[in-house]
C-alpha atoms as a PDB file:
ATOM      1  CA  UNK A   1      86.431  70.881  85.199  1.00  0.00           C
ATOM      2  CA  UNK A   2      83.738  71.275  87.928  1.00  0.00           C
ATOM      3  CA  UNK A   3      84.501  74.366  89.922  1.00  0.00           C
ATOM      4  CA  UNK A   4      84.693  72.489  93.315  1.00  0.00           C
ATOM      5  CA  UNK A   5      86.791  69.980  91.828  1.00  0.00           C
ATOM      6  CA  UNK A   6      89.669  72.759  90.783  1.00  0.00           C
ATOM      7  CA  UNK A   7      89.182  74.482  93.654  1.00  0.00           C
ATOM      8  CA  UNK A   8      90.141  71.596  95.618  1.00  0.00           C
ATOM      9  CA  UNK A   9      93.370  70.682  93.703  1.00  0.00           C
ATOM     10  CA  UNK A  10      94.576  74.050  94.024  1.00  0.00           C
ATOM     11  CA  UNK A  11      94.720  73.684  97.620  1.00  0.00           C
ATOM     12  CA  UNK A  12      97.048  70.668  97.240  1.00  0.00           C
ATOM     13  CA  UNK A  13     100.900  71.685  97.630  1.00  0.00           C
ATOM     14  CA  UNK A  14     102.675  72.048  94.500  1.00  0.00           C
ATOM     15  CA  UNK A  15      99.761  72.763  92.375  1.00  0.00           C
ATOM     16  CA  UNK A  16     100.359  76.616  90.395  1.00  0.00           C
ATOM     17  CA  UNK A  17      98.321  78.109  87.886  1.00  0.00           C
ATOM     18  CA  UNK A  18      99.844  76.232  84.925  1.00  0.00           C
ATOM     19  CA  UNK A  19      98.963  73.021  86.692  1.00  0.00           C
ATOM     20  CA  UNK A  20      95.603  74.244  87.202  1.00  0.00           C
ATOM     21  CA  UNK A  21      95.176  74.997  83.471  1.00  0.00           C
ATOM     22  CA  UNK A  22      96.528  71.614  83.128  1.00  0.00           C
ATOM     23  CA  UNK A  23      93.746  69.709  84.745  1.00  0.00           C
ATOM     24  CA  UNK A  24      91.052  72.463  83.556  1.00  0.00           C
ATOM     25  CA  UNK A  25      91.107  70.476  80.558  1.00  0.00           C
ATOM     26  CA  UNK A  26      89.274  67.557  82.313  1.00  0.00           C
ATOM     27  CA  UNK A  27      85.785  67.596  82.731  1.00  0.00           C
ATOM     28  CA  UNK A  28      85.966  66.295  86.256  1.00  0.00           C
ATOM     29  CA  UNK A  29      88.699  65.373  88.657  1.00  0.00           C
ATOM     30  CA  UNK A  30      87.441  61.907  88.412  1.00  0.00           C
ATOM     31  CA  UNK A  31      88.647  61.450  84.942  1.00  0.00           C
ATOM     32  CA  UNK A  32      92.342  62.568  86.160  1.00  0.00           C
ATOM     33  CA  UNK A  33      92.054  59.740  88.781  1.00  0.00           C
ATOM     34  CA  UNK A  34      91.378  57.385  85.924  1.00  0.00           C
ATOM     35  CA  UNK A  35      94.576  58.046  84.543  1.00  0.00           C
ATOM     36  CA  UNK A  36      97.654  55.803  84.216  1.00  0.00           C
ATOM     37  CA  UNK A  37     100.582  56.570  86.645  1.00  0.00           C
ATOM     38  CA  UNK A  38     103.005  57.957  84.029  1.00  0.00           C
ATOM     39  CA  UNK A  39      99.730  59.797  82.687  1.00  0.00           C
ATOM     40  CA  UNK A  40      99.598  61.507  86.116  1.00  0.00           C
ATOM     41  CA  UNK A  41     102.538  62.576  86.603  1.00  0.00           C
ATOM     42  CA  UNK A  42     102.519  64.298  83.155  1.00  0.00           C
ATOM     43  CA  UNK A  43      99.423  66.553  84.792  1.00  0.00           C
ATOM     44  CA  UNK A  44     101.093  67.546  87.656  1.00  0.00           C
ATOM     45  CA  UNK A  45     104.471  69.015  87.985  1.00  0.00           C
ATOM     46  CA  UNK A  46     105.943  67.007  90.665  1.00  0.00           C
ATOM     47  CA  UNK A  47     105.472  63.051  91.360  1.00  0.00           C
ATOM     48  CA  UNK A  48     104.670  64.027  94.988  1.00  0.00           C
ATOM     49  CA  UNK A  49     101.810  66.407  94.193  1.00  0.00           C
ATOM     50  CA  UNK A  50     100.620  63.663  92.048  1.00  0.00           C
ATOM     51  CA  UNK A  51     100.617  60.757  94.756  1.00  0.00           C
ATOM     52  CA  UNK A  52      98.886  63.360  96.992  1.00  0.00           C
ATOM     53  CA  UNK A  53      96.133  64.244  94.282  1.00  0.00           C
ATOM     54  CA  UNK A  54      95.692  60.307  94.044  1.00  0.00           C
ATOM     55  CA  UNK A  55      95.518  59.348  97.564  1.00  0.00           C
ATOM     56  CA  UNK A  56      93.915  62.500  99.033  1.00  0.00           C
ATOM     57  CA  UNK A  57      91.724  63.953  96.759  1.00  0.00           C
ATOM     58  CA  UNK A  58      88.179  63.303  98.708  1.00  0.00           C
ATOM     59  CA  UNK A  59      89.955  64.785 101.413  1.00  0.00           C
ATOM     60  CA  UNK A  60      90.969  68.065  99.461  1.00  0.00           C
ATOM     61  CA  UNK A  61      87.264  68.100  98.214  1.00  0.00           C
ATOM     62  CA  UNK A  62      86.156  68.284 101.802  1.00  0.00           C
ATOM     63  CA  UNK A  63      88.612  70.689 102.382  1.00  0.00           C
ATOM     64  CA  UNK A  64      87.661  73.289  99.878  1.00  0.00           C
ATOM     65  CA  UNK A  65      83.998  72.531 101.036  1.00  0.00           C
ATOM     66  CA  UNK A  66      84.909  74.457 104.183  1.00  0.00           C
ATOM     67  CA  UNK A  67      86.926  76.851 102.940  1.00  0.00           C
ATOM     68  CA  UNK A  68      84.512  78.071 100.409  1.00  0.00           C
ATOM     69  CA  UNK A  69      81.682  78.026 103.564  1.00  0.00           C
ATOM     70  CA  UNK A  70      83.813  80.141 105.734  1.00  0.00           C
ATOM     71  CA  UNK A  71      84.451  82.493 102.573  1.00  0.00           C
ATOM     72  CA  UNK A  72      80.884  82.675 102.401  1.00  0.00           C
ATOM     73  CA  UNK A  73      79.728  82.870 106.040  1.00  0.00           C
ATOM     74  CA  UNK A  74      82.252  86.244 106.121  1.00  0.00           C
ATOM     75  CA  UNK A  75      80.794  87.994 102.930  1.00  0.00           C
ATOM     76  CA  UNK A  76      83.781  86.736 100.818  1.00  0.00           C
ATOM     77  CA  UNK A  77      84.177  85.112  97.503  1.00  0.00           C
ATOM     78  CA  UNK A  78      86.153  83.125  95.215  1.00  0.00           C
ATOM     79  CA  UNK A  79      86.034  83.905  91.594  1.00  0.00           C
ATOM     80  CA  UNK A  80      87.424  81.592  88.760  1.00  0.00           C
ATOM     81  CA  UNK A  81      88.946  83.351  85.896  1.00  0.00           C
ATOM     82  CA  UNK A  82      85.719  82.704  83.485  1.00  0.00           C
ATOM     83  CA  UNK A  83      83.597  84.711  85.851  1.00  0.00           C
ATOM     84  CA  UNK A  84      82.153  87.906  84.246  1.00  0.00           C
ATOM     85  CA  UNK A  85      83.406  89.726  87.391  1.00  0.00           C
ATOM     86  CA  UNK A  86      86.809  88.693  86.712  1.00  0.00           C
ATOM     87  CA  UNK A  87      89.350  91.393  86.046  1.00  0.00           C
ATOM     88  CA  UNK A  88      89.823  91.141  82.270  1.00  0.00           C
ATOM     89  CA  UNK A  89      93.012  93.555  82.706  1.00  0.00           C
ATOM     90  CA  UNK A  90      94.505  90.422  84.251  1.00  0.00           C
ATOM     91  CA  UNK A  91      93.720  88.106  81.339  1.00  0.00           C
ATOM     92  CA  UNK A  92      96.147  89.479  79.290  1.00  0.00           C
ATOM     93  CA  UNK A  93      99.009  88.458  81.619  1.00  0.00           C
ATOM     94  CA  UNK A  94     100.607  84.978  80.075  1.00  0.00           C
ATOM     95  CA  UNK A  95     100.107  83.350  83.722  1.00  0.00           C
ATOM     96  CA  UNK A  96      96.969  85.136  85.218  1.00  0.00           C
ATOM     97  CA  UNK A  97      95.378  83.570  88.366  1.00  0.00           C
ATOM     98  CA  UNK A  98      92.668  80.648  87.758  1.00  0.00           C
ATOM     99  CA  UNK A  99      91.030  81.835  91.155  1.00  0.00           C
ATOM    100  CA  UNK A 100      90.814  85.115  93.269  1.00  0.00           C
ATOM    101  CA  UNK A 101      89.988  85.473  96.461  1.00  0.00           C
ATOM    102  CA  UNK A 102      87.884  88.573  96.932  1.00  0.00           C
ATOM    103  CA  UNK A 103      86.163  90.357  99.614  1.00  0.00           C
ATOM    104  CA  UNK A 104      84.480  94.031  99.371  1.00  0.00           C
ATOM    105  CA  UNK A 105      83.020  95.486  96.171  1.00  0.00           C
ATOM    106  CA  UNK A 106      83.832  93.247  93.302  1.00  0.00           C
ATOM    107  CA  UNK A 107      82.867  96.220  90.781  1.00  0.00           C
ATOM    108  CA  UNK A 108      86.079  97.811  91.023  1.00  0.00           C
ATOM    109  CA  UNK A 109      87.788  94.723  89.594  1.00  0.00           C
ATOM    110  CA  UNK A 110      86.999  96.316  85.989  1.00  0.00           C
ATOM    111  CA  UNK A 111      87.139 100.119  86.950  1.00  0.00           C
ATOM    112  CA  UNK A 112      87.032 102.025  84.270  1.00  0.00           C
ATOM    113  CA  UNK A 113      90.490 103.393  85.050  1.00  0.00           C
ATOM    114  CA  UNK A 114      92.951 102.330  87.893  1.00  0.00           C
ATOM    115  CA  UNK A 115      96.726 103.068  88.876  1.00  0.00           C
ATOM    116  CA  UNK A 116      98.953 101.281  91.096  1.00  0.00           C
ATOM    117  CA  UNK A 117     100.866 103.161  93.689  1.00  0.00           C
ATOM    118  CA  UNK A 118     104.000 101.613  95.019  1.00  0.00           C
ATOM    119  CA  UNK A 119     107.004 102.166  97.155  1.00  0.00           C
ATOM    120  CA  UNK A 120     109.517 101.355  99.866  1.00  0.00           C
ATOM    121  CA  UNK A 121     108.265 100.377 103.178  1.00  0.00           C
ATOM    122  CA  UNK A 122     110.873 102.155 104.688  1.00  0.00           C
ATOM    123  CA  UNK A 123     109.652 105.421 102.993  1.00  0.00           C
ATOM    124  CA  UNK A 124     110.834 109.184 103.536  1.00  0.00           C
ATOM    125  CA  UNK A 125     108.331 111.703 105.167  1.00  0.00           C
ATOM    126  CA  UNK A 126     108.256 113.029 101.630  1.00  0.00           C
ATOM    127  CA  UNK A 127     107.354 109.824  99.557  1.00  0.00           C
ATOM    128  CA  UNK A 128     104.593 109.175 102.133  1.00  0.00           C
ATOM    129  CA  UNK A 129     103.031 112.811 101.740  1.00  0.00           C
ATOM    130  CA  UNK A 130     103.749 112.203  97.718  1.00  0.00           C
ATOM    131  CA  UNK A 131     101.727 108.470  97.834  1.00  0.00           C
ATOM    132  CA  UNK A 132      98.783 110.331  99.941  1.00  0.00           C
ATOM    133  CA  UNK A 133      98.839 113.126  97.614  1.00  0.00           C
ATOM    134  CA  UNK A 134      99.161 111.039  94.375  1.00  0.00           C
ATOM    135  CA  UNK A 135      96.285 108.680  95.421  1.00  0.00           C
ATOM    136  CA  UNK A 136      93.887 111.908  96.117  1.00  0.00           C
ATOM    137  CA  UNK A 137      94.261 113.188  92.909  1.00  0.00           C
ATOM    138  CA  UNK A 138      93.879 109.710  91.133  1.00  0.00           C
ATOM    139  CA  UNK A 139      90.482 109.192  93.007  1.00  0.00           C
ATOM    140  CA  UNK A 140      89.289 113.006  92.262  1.00  0.00           C
ATOM    141  CA  UNK A 141      89.793 112.092  88.461  1.00  0.00           C
ATOM    142  CA  UNK A 142      87.935 108.620  89.020  1.00  0.00           C
ATOM    143  CA  UNK A 143      90.716 106.459  88.579  1.00  0.00           C
ATOM    144  CA  UNK A 144      90.865 103.749  91.240  1.00  0.00           C
ATOM    145  CA  UNK A 145      94.089 102.750  93.282  1.00  0.00           C
ATOM    146  CA  UNK A 146      95.663  99.551  93.563  1.00  0.00           C
ATOM    147  CA  UNK A 147      98.224  98.798  96.117  1.00  0.00           C
ATOM    148  CA  UNK A 148      99.801  96.034  98.253  1.00  0.00           C
ATOM    149  CA  UNK A 149      98.820  97.159 101.856  1.00  0.00           C
ATOM    150  CA  UNK A 150     102.277  97.156 103.025  1.00  0.00           C
ATOM    151  CA  UNK A 151     103.611  99.370 105.388  1.00  0.00           C
ATOM    152  CA  UNK A 152     105.141 102.787 104.124  1.00  0.00           C
ATOM    153  CA  UNK A 153     104.152 103.824 100.618  1.00  0.00           C
ATOM    154  CA  UNK A 154     101.146 101.264 100.341  1.00  0.00           C
ATOM    155  CA  UNK A 155      99.660 102.435 103.505  1.00  0.00           C
ATOM    156  CA  UNK A 156      99.789 105.639 102.992  1.00  0.00           C
ATOM    157  CA  UNK A 157      98.142 105.479  99.318  1.00  0.00           C
ATOM    158  CA  UNK A 158      95.106 103.542 100.528  1.00  0.00           C
ATOM    159  CA  UNK A 159      94.623 105.636 103.389  1.00  0.00           C
ATOM    160  CA  UNK A 160      94.250 108.703 101.565  1.00  0.00           C
ATOM    161  CA  UNK A 161      91.841 106.971  99.030  1.00  0.00           C
ATOM    162  CA  UNK A 162      89.573 106.187 102.347  1.00  0.00           C
ATOM    163  CA  UNK A 163      88.356 109.967 102.190  1.00  0.00           C
ATOM    164  CA  UNK A 164      88.440 110.364  98.213  1.00  0.00           C
ATOM    165  CA  UNK A 165      87.710 107.368  96.259  1.00  0.00           C
ATOM    166  CA  UNK A 166      88.066 103.648  95.420  1.00  0.00           C
ATOM    167  CA  UNK A 167      91.182 101.317  96.473  1.00  0.00           C
ATOM    168  CA  UNK A 168      92.214  97.877  96.052  1.00  0.00           C
ATOM    169  CA  UNK A 169      94.774  95.861  98.456  1.00  0.00           C
ATOM    170  CA  UNK A 170      96.287  92.989  97.065  1.00  0.00           C
ATOM    171  CA  UNK A 171      97.590  90.425  99.677  1.00  0.00           C
ATOM    172  CA  UNK A 172     100.101  87.756  99.229  1.00  0.00           C
ATOM    173  CA  UNK A 173      97.502  85.303 100.833  1.00  0.00           C
ATOM    174  CA  UNK A 174      93.779  85.731 102.038  1.00  0.00           C
ATOM    175  CA  UNK A 175      93.482  83.632 105.045  1.00  0.00           C
ATOM    176  CA  UNK A 176      94.646  86.554 106.917  1.00  0.00           C
ATOM    177  CA  UNK A 177      95.993  90.363 106.946  1.00  0.00           C
ATOM    178  CA  UNK A 178      99.498  90.687 106.153  1.00  0.00           C
ATOM    179  CA  UNK A 179     101.453  92.744 107.730  1.00  0.00           C
ATOM    180  CA  UNK A 180      99.201  91.857 110.690  1.00  0.00           C
ATOM    181  CA  UNK A 181      98.997  96.027 111.690  1.00  0.00           C
ATOM    182  CA  UNK A 182      97.588  96.797 108.810  1.00  0.00           C
ATOM    183  CA  UNK A 183      94.507  94.184 109.566  1.00  0.00           C
ATOM    184  CA  UNK A 184      92.331  97.458 110.718  1.00  0.00           C
ATOM    185  CA  UNK A 185      93.007  99.352 107.524  1.00  0.00           C
ATOM    186  CA  UNK A 186      91.898  96.363 105.103  1.00  0.00           C
ATOM    187  CA  UNK A 187      88.560  96.230 107.030  1.00  0.00           C
ATOM    188  CA  UNK A 188      88.430 100.251 106.807  1.00  0.00           C
ATOM    189  CA  UNK A 189      88.694  99.483 102.445  1.00  0.00           C
ATOM    190  CA  UNK A 190      85.956  97.146 102.781  1.00  0.00           C
ATOM    191  CA  UNK A 191      83.830  99.196 104.710  1.00  0.00           C
ATOM    192  CA  UNK A 192      84.537 102.259 102.473  1.00  0.00           C
ATOM    193  CA  UNK A 193      83.330 100.642  99.394  1.00  0.00           C
ATOM    194  CA  UNK A 194      86.728  99.215  98.150  1.00  0.00           C
ATOM    195  CA  UNK A 195      88.100  95.765  97.709  1.00  0.00           C
ATOM    196  CA  UNK A 196      90.747  93.457  99.243  1.00  0.00           C
ATOM    197  CA  UNK A 197      92.091  90.614  96.940  1.00  0.00           C
ATOM    198  CA  UNK A 198      94.421  88.039  96.791  1.00  0.00           C
ATOM    199  CA  UNK A 199      95.424  84.990  94.015  1.00  0.00           C
ATOM    200  CA  UNK A 200      95.936  82.998  97.220  1.00  0.00           C
ATOM    201  CA  UNK A 201      94.155  81.804 100.127  1.00  0.00           C
ATOM    202  CA  UNK A 202      96.875  80.369 102.502  1.00  0.00           C
ATOM    203  CA  UNK A 203     100.344  81.344 103.465  1.00  0.00           C
ATOM    204  CA  UNK A 204     103.075  78.939 102.457  1.00  0.00           C
ATOM    205  CA  UNK A 205     106.052  80.744 100.987  1.00  0.00           C
ATOM    206  CA  UNK A 206     105.912  84.579 101.988  1.00  0.00           C
ATOM    207  CA  UNK A 207     108.668  85.819  99.711  1.00  0.00           C
ATOM    208  CA  UNK A 208     107.237  83.961  96.810  1.00  0.00           C
ATOM    209  CA  UNK A 209     103.754  85.044  97.107  1.00  0.00           C
ATOM    210  CA  UNK A 210     104.669  88.751  97.766  1.00  0.00           C
ATOM    211  CA  UNK A 211     106.291  88.609  94.188  1.00  0.00           C
ATOM    212  CA  UNK A 212     103.027  86.985  92.864  1.00  0.00           C
ATOM    213  CA  UNK A 213     101.026  89.914  94.587  1.00  0.00           C
ATOM    214  CA  UNK A 214     103.042  92.368  92.743  1.00  0.00           C
ATOM    215  CA  UNK A 215     102.127  90.740  89.423  1.00  0.00           C
ATOM    216  CA  UNK A 216      98.506  91.024  90.420  1.00  0.00           C
ATOM    217  CA  UNK A 217      98.996  94.378  91.346  1.00  0.00           C
ATOM    218  CA  UNK A 218     100.765  95.394  87.763  1.00  0.00           C
ATOM    219  CA  UNK A 219      98.336  93.366  86.136  1.00  0.00           C
ATOM    220  CA  UNK A 220      95.062  95.024  87.254  1.00  0.00           C
ATOM    221  CA  UNK A 221      96.434  98.547  86.847  1.00  0.00           C
ATOM    222  CA  UNK A 222      96.980 100.443  83.694  1.00  0.00           C
ATOM    223  CA  UNK A 223      99.973 102.659  85.008  1.00  0.00           C
ATOM    224  CA  UNK A 224     102.256 102.495  87.837  1.00  0.00           C
ATOM    225  CA  UNK A 225     103.339 105.621  90.315  1.00  0.00           C
ATOM    226  CA  UNK A 226     106.291 105.131  92.414  1.00  0.00           C
ATOM    227  CA  UNK A 227     106.534 108.220  94.668  1.00  0.00           C
ATOM    228  CA  UNK A 228     109.733 107.565  96.478  1.00  0.00           C
ATOM    229  CA  UNK A 229     113.209 106.546  95.682  1.00  0.00           C
ATOM    230  CA  UNK A 230     114.091 102.828  95.706  1.00  0.00           C
ATOM    231  CA  UNK A 231     116.818 100.477  95.655  1.00  0.00           C
ATOM    232  CA  UNK A 232     117.919  98.465  92.426  1.00  0.00           C
ATOM    233  CA  UNK A 233     117.637  95.238  94.312  1.00  0.00           C
ATOM    234  CA  UNK A 234     114.038  95.972  95.992  1.00  0.00           C
ATOM    235  CA  UNK A 235     110.648  94.899  95.645  1.00  0.00           C
ATOM    236  CA  UNK A 236     109.587  98.350  94.279  1.00  0.00           C
ATOM    237  CA  UNK A 237     112.257  97.756  91.405  1.00  0.00           C
ATOM    238  CA  UNK A 238     110.755  94.471  90.940  1.00  0.00           C
ATOM    239  CA  UNK A 239     107.607  95.714  90.636  1.00  0.00           C
ATOM    240  CA  UNK A 240     108.532  98.638  87.995  1.00  0.00           C
ATOM    241  CA  UNK A 241     110.419  95.983  85.765  1.00  0.00           C
ATOM    242  CA  UNK A 242     107.230  93.858  85.597  1.00  0.00           C
ATOM    243  CA  UNK A 243     104.968  97.277  84.673  1.00  0.00           C
ATOM    244  CA  UNK A 244     107.755  97.977  82.045  1.00  0.00           C
ATOM    245  CA  UNK A 245     107.710  94.479  80.682  1.00  0.00           C
ATOM    246  CA  UNK A 246     104.136  94.509  80.493  1.00  0.00           C
ATOM    247  CA  UNK A 247     104.062  97.541  78.416  1.00  0.00           C
ATOM    248  CA  UNK A 248     102.469  99.702  81.521  1.00  0.00           C
ATOM    249  CA  UNK A 249     102.761 103.395  81.717  1.00  0.00           C
ATOM    250  CA  UNK A 250     105.118 104.243  84.742  1.00  0.00           C
ATOM    251  CA  UNK A 251     106.162 107.166  86.607  1.00  0.00           C
ATOM    252  CA  UNK A 252     108.650 107.849  88.944  1.00  0.00           C
ATOM    253  CA  UNK A 253     108.947 110.629  91.438  1.00  0.00           C
ATOM    254  CA  UNK A 254     112.221 112.531  91.107  1.00  0.00           C
ATOM    255  CA  UNK A 255     113.540 116.482  91.185  1.00  0.00           C
ATOM    256  CA  UNK A 256     110.122 117.107  92.979  1.00  0.00           C
ATOM    257  CA  UNK A 257     107.790 116.067  89.974  1.00  0.00           C
ATOM    258  CA  UNK A 258     106.878 112.534  88.194  1.00  0.00           C
ATOM    259  CA  UNK A 259     108.691 111.289  85.406  1.00  0.00           C
ATOM    260  CA  UNK A 260     107.421 109.008  83.221  1.00  0.00           C
ATOM    261  CA  UNK A 261     109.801 105.717  82.791  1.00  0.00           C
ATOM    262  CA  UNK A 262     111.434 103.892  79.455  1.00  0.00           C
ATOM    263  CA  UNK A 263     112.451 100.398  79.395  1.00  0.00           C
END
């Protein structure tokens, strides 16, 4: 499908990557608009979404055009999964993002080696120190550090990388920095040759988008390091389980050292 058509459809409420992969089978959005009502409902998961597409597609196409211009004006990019710069590691996921919104050094998307650092927002002093030291050591071995720009462990890891090597900050959405208090850190990452990336442009459901962000973090990494203790019902535990299911190497910090975790 035409890039602009697909991007426009992605901005319709209720459209996710599964729907985008369905509509990608058509050459243009006009072909979908020519479908019968029943056929249209087969393409879109929700009836309301199908009706929104049928009635207001031209409006969404104009919206996509405006957002693409805003991205370009700010030095940002939107990558389709067929783009050669799209992270090949992500393509191994069953539900890889159709689009990635990026700003910074796109070459990091396919780093030779990458590792994620994840941990609690309310981190211990030891955990923060572990995160910084781990990020530094990974960088010194030429490994790109991927994290989520959250307060706590993520912030410590990204900040350490500003002086030692490459880092990628994965956001829940791209239109503004979340959390807002890390806006300056995000810009510092870009200025120092790093990258800020998200699978979503706008904020619409922060809880869901944080989980979606974690999938990207795991998908873009070869291994996961957790430098602080975490509860079994936390976002960190969710990320660990994602990594284990994806058969990534997971290291958790216990008894003053990293230990490899198994399922």
